[in-house]
């Protein structure tokens, strides 16, 4: 099967990451070196482009332009959140593949994209059409199973860590005016990115002081006690909270009436969410002023702050998807495998698509403290290598406060 001769189709899906184009660059570089691949096509706006027969011919893209993809933000091919639910859509895709001699398919995306890959490959086998399908992981949520981590997470984690510790200094300086800052961070079901807010913290005064993840039931009374305890001690409180925290009934905090998207996920809009709700709760119950920081899609957009390790790994993951084709390996998602030992080293691995599709990976118990309001040292050990260069050490004046006459 490795000797199939034909064209390769590649696409990007879901929310972009700072390094999703690095994976695309890896696919393009490697595909140009594989003699069995005649043309390289890119889907315009993900799987929607294939359904609409809208693709780009990427076969002759110059090498210097491909190199620039490594630090280009957003999804260069365009993206979508279209969920394939109808049998006729899969049949339509298969007919497109047959008509254009597409024998290789690579999809760069998250859980739902791996499900798309799996079902396309399954249908092709049922219809006796020879083609190979591999997936490249992508998500800032870091919620794909089996892989050590996902390309895109390290860069978004770096942004969150820097944003937290630096805006925390702003809060500390303005504590005579603002008492509490709530940083609402992406993560509907998994709290990996919110947990990363702690990576720049080096002393008690540094932000964040409290962290709340979807992996723990959110208790409003306990939250208020936590905030009051820190405020009584420091005079200010910085809270990092996942957008997807939920109460004991499974309802999203501050977004109980949120609309549902095409994938069955509740879409938390700008008008709701836990940040604004909790700020109001603190004001009403504790009489303390609180403000909300909500960067939204900025968290996944800043390629200029990308982790160098993340860029390299994303590129290698794209390469691996095509190299597996050359080795006759299909129906897998590329995985990142961390080598044993003190030195951080990543090798490319693989996992069957059927074991990845629609499966989520949550922050494990060993990474969350017993109180459920911060992370443990084990999380720091796991996550710090992923963000590239260390977070800067910021100065703290050691001058002794005195009262002038």
Protein backbone atom coordinates (compact mmCIF):
# COMPACT_ATOMS: atom_id res chain seq x y z
CA UNK A 1 0.00 0.00 0.00
CA UNK A 2 2.99 2.30 0.51
CA UNK A 3 3.48 2.35 -3.26
CA UNK A 4 0.15 4.00 -4.02
CA UNK A 5 0.64 6.69 -6.61
CA UNK A 6 -1.64 9.70 -6.51
CA UNK A 7 -2.36 13.02 -4.86
CA UNK A 8 -2.31 14.16 -1.24
CA UNK A 9 -5.05 16.27 0.34
CA UNK A 10 -4.35 18.16 3.56
CA UNK A 11 -6.60 20.33 5.72
CA UNK A 12 -6.77 22.22 9.01
CA UNK A 13 -9.76 22.12 11.32
CA UNK A 14 -11.12 23.68 14.50
CA UNK A 15 -9.70 26.60 16.41
CA UNK A 16 -6.21 27.57 15.21
CA UNK A 17 -3.12 27.30 17.40
CA UNK A 18 0.11 29.35 17.27
CA UNK A 19 1.85 26.39 15.56
CA UNK A 20 -0.81 24.73 13.40
CA UNK A 21 0.94 26.10 10.30
CA UNK A 22 4.22 24.54 11.44
CA UNK A 23 2.49 21.16 11.12
CA UNK A 24 1.28 22.15 7.66
CA UNK A 25 4.86 23.07 6.75
CA UNK A 26 6.00 19.64 7.91
CA UNK A 27 3.39 17.94 5.72
CA UNK A 28 4.36 20.02 2.66
CA UNK A 29 8.11 19.53 3.10
CA UNK A 30 7.82 15.77 3.50
CA UNK A 31 5.21 15.30 0.77
CA UNK A 32 7.52 16.97 -1.75
CA UNK A 33 10.13 14.31 -0.97
CA UNK A 34 7.79 11.33 -1.45
CA UNK A 35 7.94 10.23 -5.11
CA UNK A 36 4.56 8.49 -5.00
CA UNK A 37 2.81 11.82 -4.30
CA UNK A 38 2.13 13.69 -7.55
CA UNK A 39 0.09 16.70 -6.42
CA UNK A 40 -0.43 18.32 -3.03
CA UNK A 41 -3.83 19.88 -2.48
CA UNK A 42 -4.95 21.96 0.48
CA UNK A 43 -8.61 22.13 1.49
CA UNK A 44 -10.02 25.65 1.75
CA UNK A 45 -11.60 25.96 5.20
CA UNK A 46 -11.16 22.39 6.29
CA UNK A 47 -13.54 19.62 5.32
CA UNK A 48 -16.02 22.23 4.07
CA UNK A 49 -13.58 22.95 1.25
CA UNK A 50 -13.63 19.32 0.17
CA UNK A 51 -17.43 19.22 0.25
CA UNK A 52 -17.53 22.42 -1.82
CA UNK A 53 -14.74 21.19 -4.14
CA UNK A 54 -12.62 24.22 -3.15
CA UNK A 55 -8.94 23.43 -2.77
CA UNK A 56 -5.55 25.03 -3.33
CA UNK A 57 -2.78 23.46 -5.37
CA UNK A 58 0.23 23.60 -3.02
CA UNK A 59 2.57 21.46 -5.10
CA UNK A 60 4.78 24.34 -6.23
CA UNK A 61 4.80 26.44 -3.06
CA UNK A 62 8.38 27.82 -2.75
CA UNK A 63 10.50 26.49 0.11
CA UNK A 64 11.14 29.93 1.62
CA UNK A 65 7.40 30.55 1.87
CA UNK A 66 6.85 27.16 3.49
CA UNK A 67 9.58 28.03 6.01
CA UNK A 68 7.66 31.18 6.98
CA UNK A 69 4.67 29.03 7.90
CA UNK A 70 6.52 27.96 11.03
CA UNK A 71 5.81 31.33 12.66
CA UNK A 72 2.65 32.34 10.82
CA UNK A 73 -0.47 32.68 13.04
CA UNK A 74 -3.96 31.27 12.46
CA UNK A 75 -4.72 28.55 9.89
CA UNK A 76 -3.12 29.34 6.53
CA UNK A 77 -5.62 27.14 4.67
CA UNK A 78 -8.60 28.41 6.63
CA UNK A 79 -10.53 26.32 9.10
CA UNK A 80 -14.06 25.20 10.00
CA UNK A 81 -16.13 23.58 12.71
CA UNK A 82 -18.25 21.46 10.38
CA UNK A 83 -19.20 18.07 11.82
CA UNK A 84 -19.83 15.34 9.30
CA UNK A 85 -23.04 13.66 10.44
CA UNK A 86 -24.68 12.55 7.21
CA UNK A 87 -23.71 9.39 5.33
CA UNK A 88 -24.15 11.22 2.06
CA UNK A 89 -21.42 13.70 3.03
CA UNK A 90 -18.92 10.88 3.51
CA UNK A 91 -20.02 9.36 0.21
CA UNK A 92 -19.57 12.76 -1.43
CA UNK A 93 -16.04 12.99 -0.07
CA UNK A 94 -15.15 9.52 -1.29
CA UNK A 95 -16.38 10.38 -4.79
CA UNK A 96 -14.19 13.51 -4.69
CA UNK A 97 -11.18 11.42 -3.71
CA UNK A 98 -11.81 8.95 -6.51
CA UNK A 99 -12.38 11.62 -9.15
CA UNK A 100 -9.13 13.43 -8.27
CA UNK A 101 -6.97 10.38 -7.53
CA UNK A 102 -6.48 11.44 -3.91
CA UNK A 103 -4.69 8.53 -2.28
CA UNK A 104 -3.32 10.31 0.79
CA UNK A 105 -5.32 12.35 3.30
CA UNK A 106 -3.91 14.32 6.26
CA UNK A 107 -6.12 16.24 8.66
CA UNK A 108 -4.61 18.56 11.26
CA UNK A 109 -7.06 18.93 14.12
CA UNK A 110 -8.48 17.79 17.44
CA UNK A 111 -10.83 15.08 18.70
CA UNK A 112 -13.56 15.59 16.10
CA UNK A 113 -11.03 15.80 13.26
CA UNK A 114 -9.58 12.42 14.25
CA UNK A 115 -13.11 11.03 14.16
CA UNK A 116 -13.48 12.42 10.62
CA UNK A 117 -10.22 10.73 9.58
CA UNK A 118 -11.31 7.42 11.06
CA UNK A 119 -14.69 7.40 9.34
CA UNK A 120 -13.28 8.46 5.97
CA UNK A 121 -10.73 5.66 6.08
CA UNK A 122 -13.33 3.13 7.20
CA UNK A 123 -15.64 4.05 4.31
CA UNK A 124 -12.79 3.86 1.79
CA UNK A 125 -11.99 0.32 2.93
CA UNK A 126 -15.65 -0.69 2.73
CA UNK A 127 -15.80 0.64 -0.85
CA UNK A 128 -12.46 -1.00 -1.79
CA UNK A 129 -10.84 2.33 -2.58
CA UNK A 130 -7.15 2.25 -1.74
CA UNK A 131 -6.08 5.33 0.17
CA UNK A 132 -4.15 6.18 3.31
CA UNK A 133 -5.33 8.48 6.10
CA UNK A 134 -3.36 9.95 9.01
CA UNK A 135 -4.13 12.66 11.55
CA UNK A 136 -1.89 15.32 13.08
CA UNK A 137 -2.89 16.47 16.59
CA UNK A 138 -3.70 20.12 17.17
CA UNK A 139 -5.26 21.83 20.14
CA UNK A 140 -4.38 24.42 22.74
CA UNK A 141 -6.70 22.51 25.12
CA UNK A 142 -4.20 19.62 25.29
CA UNK A 143 -7.12 17.22 25.62
CA UNK A 144 -6.23 14.52 23.07
CA UNK A 145 -5.49 11.08 24.58
CA UNK A 146 -2.38 8.89 24.31
CA UNK A 147 -0.02 11.68 23.16
CA UNK A 148 2.16 13.22 25.91
CA UNK A 149 0.85 16.63 24.86
CA UNK A 150 -0.59 18.34 21.80
CA UNK A 151 1.18 20.72 19.41
CA UNK A 152 -0.19 24.18 20.13
CA UNK A 153 -0.58 23.71 23.86
CA UNK A 154 2.96 24.71 24.82
CA UNK A 155 2.72 28.06 23.03
CA UNK A 156 -0.73 28.87 24.42
CA UNK A 157 0.49 27.81 27.87
CA UNK A 158 3.42 30.21 27.55
CA UNK A 159 1.05 33.06 26.66
CA UNK A 160 -1.20 32.27 29.63
CA UNK A 161 1.72 32.00 32.06
CA UNK A 162 3.23 35.31 30.94
CA UNK A 163 -0.15 37.06 30.91
CA UNK A 164 -0.91 35.84 34.42
CA UNK A 165 2.31 36.76 36.17
CA UNK A 166 2.60 40.13 34.43
CA UNK A 167 -1.03 41.21 34.83
CA UNK A 168 -0.72 39.94 38.39
CA UNK A 169 1.96 42.58 39.00
CA UNK A 170 -0.49 45.15 37.64
CA UNK A 171 -3.12 44.02 40.15
CA UNK A 172 -0.58 44.07 42.96
CA UNK A 173 0.39 47.65 42.09
CA UNK A 174 -3.25 48.74 41.95
CA UNK A 175 -4.52 46.87 45.01
CA UNK A 176 -5.62 50.12 46.62
CA UNK A 177 -8.13 50.42 43.79
CA UNK A 178 -8.77 46.88 42.48
CA UNK A 179 -8.85 43.98 44.92
CA UNK A 180 -9.52 40.93 42.75
CA UNK A 181 -8.71 40.01 39.16
CA UNK A 182 -10.29 37.00 37.48
CA UNK A 183 -8.53 35.60 34.43
CA UNK A 184 -10.99 33.51 32.39
CA UNK A 185 -9.06 31.02 30.29
CA UNK A 186 -10.12 28.69 27.47
CA UNK A 187 -10.90 25.09 28.36
CA UNK A 188 -14.46 23.79 28.10
CA UNK A 189 -13.90 20.34 29.62
CA UNK A 190 -10.18 20.11 30.37
CA UNK A 191 -8.22 22.58 32.47
CA UNK A 192 -4.71 22.17 31.07
CA UNK A 193 -4.41 25.73 29.82
CA UNK A 194 -5.75 27.26 33.03
CA UNK A 195 -3.33 25.12 35.03
CA UNK A 196 -0.50 26.67 32.97
CA UNK A 197 -1.28 30.05 34.54
CA UNK A 198 0.89 28.95 37.48
CA UNK A 199 4.10 28.45 35.49
CA UNK A 200 5.46 31.96 36.15
CA UNK A 201 4.74 31.97 39.90
CA UNK A 202 7.83 32.03 42.11
CA UNK A 203 6.62 33.41 45.43
CA UNK A 204 3.42 33.80 47.42
CA UNK A 205 2.79 37.33 46.15
CA UNK A 206 2.99 36.31 42.48
CA UNK A 207 -0.18 35.55 40.54
CA UNK A 208 -2.12 33.35 40.42
CA UNK A 209 -3.25 32.74 43.99
CA UNK A 210 -6.16 30.48 43.13
CA UNK A 211 -6.81 28.15 40.16
CA UNK A 212 -10.08 26.40 39.33
CA UNK A 213 -10.35 23.67 36.69
CA UNK A 214 -13.30 21.78 35.10
CA UNK A 215 -11.88 18.57 36.57
CA UNK A 216 -13.23 19.58 39.98
CA UNK A 217 -16.82 20.44 40.94
CA UNK A 218 -17.01 24.17 41.56
CA UNK A 219 -18.46 25.12 44.96
CA UNK A 220 -19.37 28.81 45.25
CA UNK A 221 -19.21 28.88 49.04
CA UNK A 222 -15.74 27.34 49.10
CA UNK A 223 -14.65 29.73 46.37
CA UNK A 224 -15.73 32.74 48.41
CA UNK A 225 -13.88 31.40 51.46
CA UNK A 226 -10.73 30.89 49.37
CA UNK A 227 -10.91 34.44 47.99
CA UNK A 228 -11.49 35.97 51.42
CA UNK A 229 -8.57 34.04 52.95
CA UNK A 230 -6.10 35.27 50.33
CA UNK A 231 -7.50 38.82 50.44
CA UNK A 232 -7.17 38.95 54.23
CA UNK A 233 -3.51 37.94 53.92
CA UNK A 234 -2.31 39.86 50.82
CA UNK A 235 -4.92 42.55 50.24
CA UNK A 236 -5.44 41.39 46.64
CA UNK A 237 -6.36 38.13 44.87
CA UNK A 238 -5.64 36.86 41.38
CA UNK A 239 -7.87 34.00 40.26
CA UNK A 240 -7.33 31.84 37.16
CA UNK A 241 -10.50 30.02 36.12
CA UNK A 242 -11.37 27.73 33.23
CA UNK A 243 -14.31 28.83 31.11
CA UNK A 244 -15.79 25.35 31.58
CA UNK A 245 -15.99 25.07 35.37
CA UNK A 246 -19.27 23.43 36.44
CA UNK A 247 -21.38 22.99 39.54
CA UNK A 248 -22.43 19.69 41.15
CA UNK A 249 -25.27 19.37 38.63
CA UNK A 250 -22.90 19.65 35.67
CA UNK A 251 -24.08 23.13 34.72
CA UNK A 252 -21.50 25.62 33.46
CA UNK A 253 -20.93 28.42 35.95
CA UNK A 254 -22.36 31.63 34.55
CA UNK A 255 -23.49 30.02 31.29
CA UNK A 256 -26.39 27.75 32.12
CA UNK A 257 -28.41 28.92 29.12
CA UNK A 258 -25.53 28.92 26.59
CA UNK A 259 -26.33 27.80 23.05
CA UNK A 260 -25.13 24.44 21.73
CA UNK A 261 -22.85 24.26 18.66
CA UNK A 262 -22.76 21.71 15.83
CA UNK A 263 -20.68 19.30 17.92
CA UNK A 264 -23.07 19.35 20.88
CA UNK A 265 -20.75 21.60 22.89
CA UNK A 266 -22.14 24.53 24.84
CA UNK A 267 -20.82 27.70 23.22
CA UNK A 268 -19.87 30.16 25.97
CA UNK A 269 -20.36 33.64 24.53
CA UNK A 270 -18.90 37.02 25.40
CA UNK A 271 -22.07 37.94 27.28
CA UNK A 272 -21.78 35.12 29.80
CA UNK A 273 -19.20 32.84 31.35
CA UNK A 274 -17.75 32.33 34.82
CA UNK A 275 -15.55 35.45 34.96
CA UNK A 276 -18.33 38.03 34.95
CA UNK A 277 -20.54 35.84 37.13
CA UNK A 278 -17.86 35.35 39.80
CA UNK A 279 -16.87 39.03 39.81
CA UNK A 280 -20.49 39.90 40.55
CA UNK A 281 -20.67 37.18 43.21
CA UNK A 282 -17.56 38.53 44.98
CA UNK A 283 -18.98 42.05 44.98
CA UNK A 284 -22.35 40.94 46.32
CA UNK A 285 -21.15 38.44 48.94
CA UNK A 286 -17.81 39.88 50.06
CA UNK A 287 -18.16 43.55 49.18
CA UNK A 288 -14.87 43.42 47.28
CA UNK A 289 -14.27 44.95 43.86
CA UNK A 290 -13.32 42.53 41.11
CA UNK A 291 -12.43 42.88 37.45
CA UNK A 292 -12.30 40.28 34.67
CA UNK A 293 -9.57 39.61 32.10
CA UNK A 294 -10.86 37.61 29.15
CA UNK A 295 -8.39 37.38 26.23
CA UNK A 296 -10.57 35.04 24.18
CA UNK A 297 -9.00 33.95 20.90
CA UNK A 298 -5.80 35.91 21.62
CA UNK A 299 -4.77 32.86 23.67
CA UNK A 300 -4.41 30.81 20.49
CA UNK A 301 -3.28 33.53 18.07
CA UNK A 302 0.13 34.85 19.10
CA UNK A 303 2.62 32.98 16.95
CA UNK A 304 5.17 35.66 17.89
CA UNK A 305 5.18 34.23 21.44
CA UNK A 306 5.29 30.61 20.32
CA UNK A 307 7.40 28.14 22.25
CA UNK A 308 10.38 27.08 20.14
CA UNK A 309 9.93 23.51 21.36
CA UNK A 310 6.29 23.65 20.29
CA UNK A 311 7.13 24.93 16.81
CA UNK A 312 9.72 22.20 16.27
CA UNK A 313 7.43 19.44 17.53
CA UNK A 314 4.48 20.65 15.44
CA UNK A 315 6.68 20.61 12.32
CA UNK A 316 7.97 17.13 13.10
CA UNK A 317 4.42 15.88 13.68
CA UNK A 318 3.43 17.06 10.19
CA UNK A 319 6.48 15.34 8.72
CA UNK A 320 5.72 12.12 10.60
CA UNK A 321 2.21 11.84 9.16
CA UNK A 322 3.67 11.69 5.64
CA UNK A 323 6.65 9.53 6.61
CA UNK A 324 4.22 6.97 7.98
CA UNK A 325 2.57 6.89 4.55
CA UNK A 326 5.95 6.10 3.00
CA UNK A 327 6.32 3.26 5.51
CA UNK A 328 2.90 1.87 4.65
CA UNK A 329 1.36 3.07 7.91
CA UNK A 330 -2.17 4.44 7.81
CA UNK A 331 -5.15 5.07 10.10
CA UNK A 332 -3.09 6.59 12.90
CA UNK A 333 -2.76 9.90 14.68
CA UNK A 334 0.79 11.09 15.19
CA UNK A 335 1.66 11.19 18.90
CA UNK A 336 4.38 12.90 20.90
CA UNK A 337 6.24 10.46 23.15
CA UNK A 338 8.35 11.83 26.02
CA UNK A 339 11.57 9.93 26.61
CA UNK A 340 12.45 8.73 30.10
CA UNK A 341 15.08 10.63 32.05
CA UNK A 342 15.73 14.13 33.33
CA UNK A 343 16.46 15.68 29.95
CA UNK A 344 13.37 16.65 27.95
CA UNK A 345 13.23 14.80 24.65
CA UNK A 346 10.29 14.03 22.36
CA UNK A 347 10.02 11.26 19.78
CA UNK A 348 7.20 10.84 17.27
CA UNK A 349 4.87 7.91 17.85
CA UNK A 350 1.42 6.85 16.70
CA UNK A 351 -1.98 5.79 17.98
CA UNK A 352 -4.83 4.11 16.07
CA UNK A 353 -7.42 6.66 15.01
CA UNK A 354 -10.22 4.59 16.52
CA UNK A 355 -8.56 4.92 19.95
CA UNK A 356 -8.37 8.71 19.68
CA UNK A 357 -11.61 9.77 18.00
CA UNK A 358 -13.93 11.65 20.37
CA UNK A 359 -11.87 10.76 23.46
CA UNK A 360 -10.81 13.55 25.84
CA UNK A 361 -7.76 13.69 28.10
CA UNK A 362 -8.25 15.47 31.40
CA UNK A 363 -5.83 16.94 33.93
CA UNK A 364 -4.97 13.99 36.22
CA UNK A 365 -5.55 14.06 39.97
CA UNK A 366 -1.82 14.11 40.70
CA UNK A 367 -1.57 17.52 39.01
CA UNK A 368 -4.29 19.14 41.18
CA UNK A 369 -3.86 19.97 44.88
CA UNK A 370 -6.06 18.46 47.57
CA UNK A 371 -8.02 21.71 47.99
CA UNK A 372 -8.87 21.75 44.29
CA UNK A 373 -7.73 25.36 43.95
CA UNK A 374 -4.16 25.07 42.60
CA UNK A 375 -1.73 22.72 40.85
CA UNK A 376 1.01 20.50 42.25
CA UNK A 377 4.76 20.32 41.68
CA UNK A 378 4.21 17.36 39.37
CA UNK A 379 2.32 19.64 36.98
CA UNK A 380 5.25 22.07 36.92
CA UNK A 381 7.61 19.18 36.12
CA UNK A 382 5.35 18.05 33.29
CA UNK A 383 4.54 21.42 31.75
CA UNK A 384 7.59 23.69 32.10
CA UNK A 385 9.58 21.99 29.28
CA UNK A 386 6.70 22.58 26.85
CA UNK A 387 6.76 26.39 27.01
CA UNK A 388 10.31 26.80 25.67
CA UNK A 389 12.43 29.49 27.28
CA UNK A 390 11.87 29.99 31.02
CA UNK A 391 9.53 32.74 32.20
CA UNK A 392 11.68 35.79 33.14
CA UNK A 393 12.44 36.45 36.77
CA UNK A 394 10.97 39.84 37.60
CA UNK A 395 12.41 42.19 40.22
CA UNK A 396 10.91 42.77 43.64
CA UNK A 397 12.24 45.73 45.59
CA UNK A 398 13.74 44.78 48.95
CA UNK A 399 13.52 48.30 50.39
CA UNK A 400 12.12 48.50 53.91
CA UNK A 401 8.88 50.52 54.14
CA UNK A 402 9.18 53.51 56.44
CA UNK A 403 6.97 56.43 57.48
CA UNK A 404 8.31 59.89 56.72
CA UNK A 405 8.14 62.55 59.41
